[in-house]
All heavy atoms as atom14 arrays in JSON, in Angstrom:
{
  "sequence": "GVDFDNTMKLGQEWQDADGLPWPGVPNVGPTL",
  "atom14_mask": [
    [1, 1, 1, 1, 0, 0, 0, 0, 0, 0, 0, 0, 0, 0],
    [1, 1, 1, 1, 1, 1, 1, 0, 0, 0, 0, 0, 0, 0],
    [1, 1, 1, 1, 1, 1, 1, 1, 0, 0, 0, 0, 0, 0],
    [1, 1, 1, 1, 1, 1, 1, 1, 1, 1, 1, 0, 0, 0],
    [1, 1, 1, 1, 1, 1, 1, 1, 0, 0, 0, 0, 0, 0],
    [1, 1, 1, 1, 1, 1, 1, 1, 0, 0, 0, 0, 0, 0],
    [1, 1, 1, 1, 1, 1, 1, 0, 0, 0, 0, 0, 0, 0],
    [1, 1, 1, 1, 1, 1, 1, 1, 0, 0, 0, 0, 0, 0],
    [1, 1, 1, 1, 1, 1, 1, 1, 1, 0, 0, 0, 0, 0],
    [1, 1, 1, 1, 1, 1, 1, 1, 0, 0, 0, 0, 0, 0],
    [1, 1, 1, 1, 0, 0, 0, 0, 0, 0, 0, 0, 0, 0],
    [1, 1, 1, 1, 1, 1, 1, 1, 1, 0, 0, 0, 0, 0],
    [1, 1, 1, 1, 1, 1, 1, 1, 1, 0, 0, 0, 0, 0],
    [1, 1, 1, 1, 1, 1, 1, 1, 1, 1, 1, 1, 1, 1],
    [1, 1, 1, 1, 1, 1, 1, 1, 1, 0, 0, 0, 0, 0],
    [1, 1, 1, 1, 1, 1, 1, 1, 0, 0, 0, 0, 0, 0],
    [1, 1, 1, 1, 1, 0, 0, 0, 0, 0, 0, 0, 0, 0],
    [1, 1, 1, 1, 1, 1, 1, 1, 0, 0, 0, 0, 0, 0],
    [1, 1, 1, 1, 0, 0, 0, 0, 0, 0, 0, 0, 0, 0],
    [1, 1, 1, 1, 1, 1, 1, 1, 0, 0, 0, 0, 0, 0],
    [1, 1, 1, 1, 1, 1, 1, 0, 0, 0, 0, 0, 0, 0],
    [1, 1, 1, 1, 1, 1, 1, 1, 1, 1, 1, 1, 1, 1],
    [1, 1, 1, 1, 1, 1, 1, 0, 0, 0, 0, 0, 0, 0],
    [1, 1, 1, 1, 0, 0, 0, 0, 0, 0, 0, 0, 0, 0],
    [1, 1, 1, 1, 1, 1, 1, 0, 0, 0, 0, 0, 0, 0],
    [1, 1, 1, 1, 1, 1, 1, 0, 0, 0, 0, 0, 0, 0],
    [1, 1, 1, 1, 1, 1, 1, 1, 0, 0, 0, 0, 0, 0],
    [1, 1, 1, 1, 1, 1, 1, 0, 0, 0, 0, 0, 0, 0],
    [1, 1, 1, 1, 0, 0, 0, 0, 0, 0, 0, 0, 0, 0],
    [1, 1, 1, 1, 1, 1, 1, 0, 0, 0, 0, 0, 0, 0],
    [1, 1, 1, 1, 1, 1, 1, 0, 0, 0, 0, 0, 0, 0],
    [1, 1, 1, 1, 1, 1, 1, 1, 0, 0, 0, 0, 0, 0]
  ],
  "atom14_positions": [
    [[136.73, 63.37, 193.27], [135.98, 64.13, 192.3], [135.21, 63.27, 191.31], [135.38, 62.05, 191.24], [0.0, 0.0, 0.0], [0.0, 0.0, 0.0], [0.0, 0.0, 0.0], [0.0, 0.0, 0.0], [0.0, 0.0, 0.0], [0.0, 0.0, 0.0], [0.0, 0.0, 0.0], [0.0, 0.0, 0.0], [0.0, 0.0, 0.0], [0.0, 0.0, 0.0]],
    [[134.36, 63.92, 190.53], [133.48, 63.18, 189.59], [134.28, 62.35, 188.6], [133.91, 61.24, 188.26], [132.57, 64.18, 188.86], [131.75, 63.47, 187.78], [131.63, 64.87, 189.85], [0.0, 0.0, 0.0], [0.0, 0.0, 0.0], [0.0, 0.0, 0.0], [0.0, 0.0, 0.0], [0.0, 0.0, 0.0], [0.0, 0.0, 0.0], [0.0, 0.0, 0.0]],
    [[135.4, 62.91, 188.1], [136.19, 62.2, 187.1], [137.28, 61.34, 187.71], [138.13, 60.8, 186.99], [136.84, 63.22, 186.15], [135.81, 64.01, 185.35], [134.74, 63.41, 185.06], [136.03, 65.19, 185.06], [0.0, 0.0, 0.0], [0.0, 0.0, 0.0], [0.0, 0.0, 0.0], [0.0, 0.0, 0.0], [0.0, 0.0, 0.0], [0.0, 0.0, 0.0]],
    [[137.31, 61.23, 189.05], [138.31, 60.42, 189.75], [139.73, 60.86, 189.41], [140.63, 60.02, 189.29], [138.09, 58.94, 189.45], [136.81, 58.39, 189.99], [135.66, 58.41, 189.22], [136.74, 57.89, 191.28], [134.45, 57.94, 189.73], [135.53, 57.4, 191.79], [134.4, 57.44, 191.01], [0.0, 0.0, 0.0], [0.0, 0.0, 0.0], [0.0, 0.0, 0.0]],
    [[139.93, 62.17, 189.25], [141.24, 62.71, 188.91], [141.79, 63.65, 189.99], [142.75, 64.36, 189.74], [141.19, 63.44, 187.57], [140.16, 64.57, 187.55], [139.5, 64.8, 188.58], [140.01, 65.23, 186.5], [0.0, 0.0, 0.0], [0.0, 0.0, 0.0], [0.0, 0.0, 0.0], [0.0, 0.0, 0.0], [0.0, 0.0, 0.0], [0.0, 0.0, 0.0]],
    [[141.15, 63.62, 191.17], [141.57, 64.48, 192.29], [141.61, 65.96, 191.9], [142.43, 66.72, 192.39], [142.95, 64.05, 192.8], [142.95, 62.66, 193.44], [143.41, 61.7, 192.82], [142.37, 62.54, 194.63], [0.0, 0.0, 0.0], [0.0, 0.0, 0.0], [0.0, 0.0, 0.0], [0.0, 0.0, 0.0], [0.0, 0.0, 0.0], [0.0, 0.0, 0.0]],
    [[140.69, 66.34, 191.04], [140.61, 67.71, 190.58], [139.17, 68.21, 190.76], [138.25, 67.64, 190.15], [141.02, 67.85, 189.12], [142.36, 67.35, 188.96], [140.99, 69.32, 188.67], [0.0, 0.0, 0.0], [0.0, 0.0, 0.0], [0.0, 0.0, 0.0], [0.0, 0.0, 0.0], [0.0, 0.0, 0.0], [0.0, 0.0, 0.0], [0.0, 0.0, 0.0]],
    [[138.99, 69.21, 191.58], [137.66, 69.76, 191.85], [137.43, 70.93, 190.89], [138.1, 71.95, 190.95], [137.58, 70.24, 193.29], [138.05, 69.19, 194.33], [137.08, 67.66, 194.25], [135.56, 68.26, 194.96], [0.0, 0.0, 0.0], [0.0, 0.0, 0.0], [0.0, 0.0, 0.0], [0.0, 0.0, 0.0], [0.0, 0.0, 0.0], [0.0, 0.0, 0.0]],
    [[136.47, 70.76, 189.98], [136.27, 71.69, 188.88], [135.04, 72.57, 189.09], [133.95, 72.08, 189.44], [136.13, 70.93, 187.56], [137.25, 69.96, 187.28], [136.96, 69.13, 186.04], [137.96, 68.02, 185.87], [137.87, 66.99, 186.92], [0.0, 0.0, 0.0], [0.0, 0.0, 0.0], [0.0, 0.0, 0.0], [0.0, 0.0, 0.0], [0.0, 0.0, 0.0]],
    [[135.19, 73.88, 188.85], [134.06, 74.78, 188.86], [133.07, 74.39, 187.78], [133.45, 74.1, 186.64], [134.53, 76.22, 188.63], [133.43, 77.29, 188.56], [132.65, 77.4, 189.87], [134.03, 78.64, 188.19], [0.0, 0.0, 0.0], [0.0, 0.0, 0.0], [0.0, 0.0, 0.0], [0.0, 0.0, 0.0], [0.0, 0.0, 0.0], [0.0, 0.0, 0.0]],
    [[131.78, 74.35, 188.15], [130.76, 73.94, 187.2], [130.49, 72.45, 187.19], [129.53, 71.99, 186.6], [0.0, 0.0, 0.0], [0.0, 0.0, 0.0], [0.0, 0.0, 0.0], [0.0, 0.0, 0.0], [0.0, 0.0, 0.0], [0.0, 0.0, 0.0], [0.0, 0.0, 0.0], [0.0, 0.0, 0.0], [0.0, 0.0, 0.0], [0.0, 0.0, 0.0]],
    [[131.33, 71.7, 187.92], [131.13, 70.26, 188.0], [131.04, 69.82, 189.46], [129.98, 69.4, 189.94], [132.25, 69.51, 187.28], [132.08, 68.0, 187.26], [133.0, 67.33, 186.26], [132.85, 67.51, 185.05], [133.95, 66.56, 186.74], [0.0, 0.0, 0.0], [0.0, 0.0, 0.0], [0.0, 0.0, 0.0], [0.0, 0.0, 0.0], [0.0, 0.0, 0.0]],
    [[132.13, 69.91, 190.21], [132.09, 69.56, 191.62], [131.58, 70.72, 192.52], [131.09, 70.48, 193.59], [133.5, 69.18, 192.11], [133.89, 67.73, 191.78], [134.51, 67.6, 190.4], [134.67, 68.66, 189.72], [134.8, 66.49, 189.98], [0.0, 0.0, 0.0], [0.0, 0.0, 0.0], [0.0, 0.0, 0.0], [0.0, 0.0, 0.0], [0.0, 0.0, 0.0]],
    [[131.75, 71.94, 192.04], [131.33, 73.1, 192.85], [130.87, 74.24, 191.94], [131.19, 74.28, 190.76], [132.43, 73.55, 193.81], [133.77, 73.81, 193.17], [134.66, 72.89, 192.71], [134.37, 75.09, 192.93], [135.78, 73.5, 192.19], [135.63, 74.84, 192.32], [133.97, 76.41, 193.18], [136.49, 75.87, 191.96], [134.85, 77.43, 192.8], [136.08, 77.16, 192.21]],
    [[130.1, 75.18, 192.54], [129.4, 76.2, 191.73], [129.65, 77.64, 192.22], [129.44, 78.59, 191.45], [127.89, 75.95, 191.77], [127.46, 74.52, 191.48], [127.81, 74.04, 190.08], [127.74, 74.84, 189.14], [128.2, 72.79, 189.95], [0.0, 0.0, 0.0], [0.0, 0.0, 0.0], [0.0, 0.0, 0.0], [0.0, 0.0, 0.0], [0.0, 0.0, 0.0]],
    [[130.05, 77.83, 193.46], [130.06, 79.19, 194.06], [131.29, 79.97, 193.64], [132.43, 79.57, 193.95], [129.99, 79.11, 195.58], [128.66, 78.59, 196.08], [127.72, 78.52, 195.26], [128.56, 78.29, 197.29], [0.0, 0.0, 0.0], [0.0, 0.0, 0.0], [0.0, 0.0, 0.0], [0.0, 0.0, 0.0], [0.0, 0.0, 0.0], [0.0, 0.0, 0.0]],
    [[131.09, 81.12, 192.97], [132.2, 81.98, 192.57], [131.67, 83.41, 192.47], [130.59, 83.64, 191.93], [132.79, 81.53, 191.25], [0.0, 0.0, 0.0], [0.0, 0.0, 0.0], [0.0, 0.0, 0.0], [0.0, 0.0, 0.0], [0.0, 0.0, 0.0], [0.0, 0.0, 0.0], [0.0, 0.0, 0.0], [0.0, 0.0, 0.0], [0.0, 0.0, 0.0]],
    [[132.43, 84.37, 192.99], [132.08, 85.8, 192.92], [133.23, 86.57, 192.33], [134.37, 86.52, 192.82], [131.76, 86.33, 194.32], [130.38, 85.89, 194.8], [129.48, 85.77, 193.96], [130.22, 85.66, 196.01], [0.0, 0.0, 0.0], [0.0, 0.0, 0.0], [0.0, 0.0, 0.0], [0.0, 0.0, 0.0], [0.0, 0.0, 0.0], [0.0, 0.0, 0.0]],
    [[132.93, 87.33, 191.27], [133.93, 88.17, 190.63], [133.8, 89.62, 191.07], [133.38, 89.92, 192.19], [0.0, 0.0, 0.0], [0.0, 0.0, 0.0], [0.0, 0.0, 0.0], [0.0, 0.0, 0.0], [0.0, 0.0, 0.0], [0.0, 0.0, 0.0], [0.0, 0.0, 0.0], [0.0, 0.0, 0.0], [0.0, 0.0, 0.0], [0.0, 0.0, 0.0]],
    [[134.13, 90.54, 190.17], [134.05, 91.97, 190.43], [133.07, 92.61, 189.48], [133.32, 92.64, 188.25], [135.44, 92.63, 190.28], [136.58, 92.09, 191.14], [137.87, 92.85, 190.83], [136.24, 92.18, 192.61], [0.0, 0.0, 0.0], [0.0, 0.0, 0.0], [0.0, 0.0, 0.0], [0.0, 0.0, 0.0], [0.0, 0.0, 0.0], [0.0, 0.0, 0.0]],
    [[131.95, 93.14, 189.94], [130.97, 93.78, 189.06], [131.43, 95.17, 188.62], [132.32, 95.78, 189.23], [129.7, 93.85, 189.91], [130.22, 93.93, 191.31], [131.49, 93.1, 191.33], [0.0, 0.0, 0.0], [0.0, 0.0, 0.0], [0.0, 0.0, 0.0], [0.0, 0.0, 0.0], [0.0, 0.0, 0.0], [0.0, 0.0, 0.0], [0.0, 0.0, 0.0]],
    [[130.82, 95.67, 187.56], [130.98, 97.07, 187.15], [130.1, 97.93, 188.05], [128.92, 97.61, 188.23], [130.61, 97.25, 185.7], [130.77, 98.64, 185.18], [129.77, 99.55, 184.99], [131.99, 99.27, 184.78], [130.31, 100.73, 184.51], [131.66, 100.6, 184.37], [133.33, 98.87, 184.75], [132.63, 101.49, 183.94], [134.28, 99.75, 184.31], [133.93, 101.06, 183.91]],
    [[130.61, 99.02, 188.62], [129.84, 99.77, 189.61], [128.71, 100.62, 189.05], [127.81, 101.02, 189.78], [130.89, 100.63, 190.29], [131.93, 100.84, 189.22], [131.96, 99.54, 188.46], [0.0, 0.0, 0.0], [0.0, 0.0, 0.0], [0.0, 0.0, 0.0], [0.0, 0.0, 0.0], [0.0, 0.0, 0.0], [0.0, 0.0, 0.0], [0.0, 0.0, 0.0]],
    [[128.74, 100.93, 187.76], [127.71, 101.76, 187.17], [126.78, 100.99, 186.26], [126.6, 99.76, 186.43], [0.0, 0.0, 0.0], [0.0, 0.0, 0.0], [0.0, 0.0, 0.0], [0.0, 0.0, 0.0], [0.0, 0.0, 0.0], [0.0, 0.0, 0.0], [0.0, 0.0, 0.0], [0.0, 0.0, 0.0], [0.0, 0.0, 0.0], [0.0, 0.0, 0.0]],
    [[126.19, 101.68, 185.31], [125.31, 101.04, 184.33], [126.16, 100.43, 183.24], [126.92, 101.14, 182.59], [124.32, 102.06, 183.74], [123.43, 101.4, 182.68], [123.47, 102.69, 184.83], [0.0, 0.0, 0.0], [0.0, 0.0, 0.0], [0.0, 0.0, 0.0], [0.0, 0.0, 0.0], [0.0, 0.0, 0.0], [0.0, 0.0, 0.0], [0.0, 0.0, 0.0]],
    [[126.09, 99.12, 183.02], [126.95, 98.49, 182.02], [126.5, 98.81, 180.59], [125.3, 98.99, 180.33], [126.82, 97.01, 182.33], [125.46, 96.88, 182.94], [125.25, 98.15, 183.73], [0.0, 0.0, 0.0], [0.0, 0.0, 0.0], [0.0, 0.0, 0.0], [0.0, 0.0, 0.0], [0.0, 0.0, 0.0], [0.0, 0.0, 0.0], [0.0, 0.0, 0.0]],
    [[127.45, 98.88, 179.69], [127.18, 98.99, 178.28], [126.98, 97.58, 177.73], [127.94, 96.83, 177.61], [128.34, 99.67, 177.56], [128.15, 99.73, 176.05], [127.02, 99.68, 175.59], [129.22, 99.79, 175.32], [0.0, 0.0, 0.0], [0.0, 0.0, 0.0], [0.0, 0.0, 0.0], [0.0, 0.0, 0.0], [0.0, 0.0, 0.0], [0.0, 0.0, 0.0]],
    [[125.76, 97.22, 177.46], [125.44, 95.84, 177.02], [125.92, 95.66, 175.58], [125.72, 96.51, 174.72], [123.92, 95.59, 177.11], [123.62, 94.17, 176.67], [123.46, 95.81, 178.53], [0.0, 0.0, 0.0], [0.0, 0.0, 0.0], [0.0, 0.0, 0.0], [0.0, 0.0, 0.0], [0.0, 0.0, 0.0], [0.0, 0.0, 0.0], [0.0, 0.0, 0.0]],
    [[126.57, 94.55, 175.33], [127.12, 94.28, 174.03], [126.08, 93.98, 172.97], [124.92, 93.69, 173.29], [0.0, 0.0, 0.0], [0.0, 0.0, 0.0], [0.0, 0.0, 0.0], [0.0, 0.0, 0.0], [0.0, 0.0, 0.0], [0.0, 0.0, 0.0], [0.0, 0.0, 0.0], [0.0, 0.0, 0.0], [0.0, 0.0, 0.0], [0.0, 0.0, 0.0]],
    [[126.45, 94.06, 171.7], [125.51, 93.78, 170.61], [125.17, 92.31, 170.51], [125.87, 91.44, 171.05], [126.28, 94.26, 169.37], [127.71, 94.1, 169.74], [127.8, 94.41, 171.2], [0.0, 0.0, 0.0], [0.0, 0.0, 0.0], [0.0, 0.0, 0.0], [0.0, 0.0, 0.0], [0.0, 0.0, 0.0], [0.0, 0.0, 0.0], [0.0, 0.0, 0.0]],
    [[124.08, 92.03, 169.79], [123.63, 90.66, 169.56], [123.66, 90.35, 168.08], [123.09, 91.11, 167.25], [122.19, 90.46, 170.08], [122.16, 90.72, 171.49], [121.71, 89.05, 169.82], [0.0, 0.0, 0.0], [0.0, 0.0, 0.0], [0.0, 0.0, 0.0], [0.0, 0.0, 0.0], [0.0, 0.0, 0.0], [0.0, 0.0, 0.0], [0.0, 0.0, 0.0]],
    [[124.32, 89.28, 167.71], [124.4, 88.85, 166.32], [123.27, 87.88, 166.03], [123.1, 86.89, 166.74], [125.75, 88.19, 166.04], [126.03, 87.72, 164.62], [126.03, 88.87, 163.65], [127.36, 86.97, 164.58], [0.0, 0.0, 0.0], [0.0, 0.0, 0.0], [0.0, 0.0, 0.0], [0.0, 0.0, 0.0], [0.0, 0.0, 0.0], [0.0, 0.0, 0.0]]
  ]
}
């Protein structure tokens, strides 16, 4: 790995990840 620690990190050594989306129209949060 990049840090020579035998640890493959998301966002560093690899990028692909899929979660679970909301099936309808999302309620977008406020902006400060």
